Protein backbone atom coordinates (compact mmCIF):
# COMPACT_ATOMS: atom_id res chain seq x y z
CA MET A 1 218.94 -95.03 -52.93
CA ILE A 2 221.66 -97.09 -51.22
CA GLU A 3 219.69 -96.91 -47.98
CA ASP A 4 216.61 -98.23 -49.78
CA CYS A 5 218.69 -101.06 -51.28
CA ASN A 6 220.00 -101.94 -47.82
CA ALA A 7 216.43 -101.91 -46.47
CA GLY A 8 215.27 -104.29 -49.20
CA LYS A 9 212.99 -101.71 -50.82
CA ILE A 10 214.75 -101.87 -54.21
CA ASP A 11 215.40 -105.02 -56.20
CA MET A 12 216.88 -103.49 -59.39
CA ILE A 13 218.43 -100.19 -60.45
CA ILE A 14 217.60 -98.88 -63.93
CA THR A 15 219.12 -95.61 -65.10
CA LYS A 16 219.38 -93.75 -68.39
CA SER A 17 223.10 -93.07 -68.10
CA ILE A 18 225.93 -94.49 -66.04
CA SER A 19 226.96 -90.90 -65.26
CA ARG A 20 223.68 -90.44 -63.34
CA SER A 21 224.56 -93.18 -60.85
CA ALA A 22 227.70 -91.65 -59.32
CA THR A 23 229.88 -88.56 -59.33
CA ASN A 24 232.99 -90.34 -60.64
CA THR A 25 234.22 -93.71 -61.89
CA LEU A 26 235.54 -94.90 -58.53
CA ASN A 27 232.24 -94.17 -56.78
CA CYS A 28 230.36 -95.88 -59.59
CA LEU A 29 232.44 -99.05 -59.27
CA ARG A 30 231.97 -99.07 -55.50
CA PHE A 31 228.24 -98.60 -55.96
CA ILE A 32 227.99 -101.46 -58.48
CA ARG A 33 230.07 -103.79 -56.28
CA GLU A 34 227.91 -103.00 -53.27
CA LEU A 35 224.78 -103.75 -55.30
CA LYS A 36 226.24 -107.03 -56.57
CA GLU A 37 226.96 -108.12 -52.97
CA LYS A 38 223.26 -107.62 -52.25
CA ASN A 39 222.21 -109.38 -55.49
CA ILE A 40 220.69 -106.18 -56.86
CA PRO A 41 221.28 -105.81 -60.60
CA ALA A 42 221.83 -102.49 -62.33
CA PHE A 43 221.01 -101.58 -65.94
CA PHE A 44 222.49 -98.56 -67.72
CA GLU A 45 220.38 -97.79 -70.79
CA ASN A 46 222.75 -95.55 -72.75
CA ILE A 47 225.50 -98.19 -72.97
CA ASN A 48 223.21 -101.22 -72.74
CA ALA A 49 225.12 -102.51 -69.70
CA ASP A 50 223.51 -105.02 -67.39
CA THR A 51 225.33 -106.20 -64.26
CA THR A 52 223.49 -109.53 -64.27
CA ARG A 53 225.55 -110.76 -67.23
């Protein structure tokens, strides 16, 4: 998925649970920061978290 984001194939990540996006908290934060650098928002449905806010 990160490769597709880097290639411009993905413009937003939507997932049911934040736990599905990474194996641990540190990896999740790195993933979200990397997406934010590329202006790709992420939405985590179970906690109603949106990185565009």
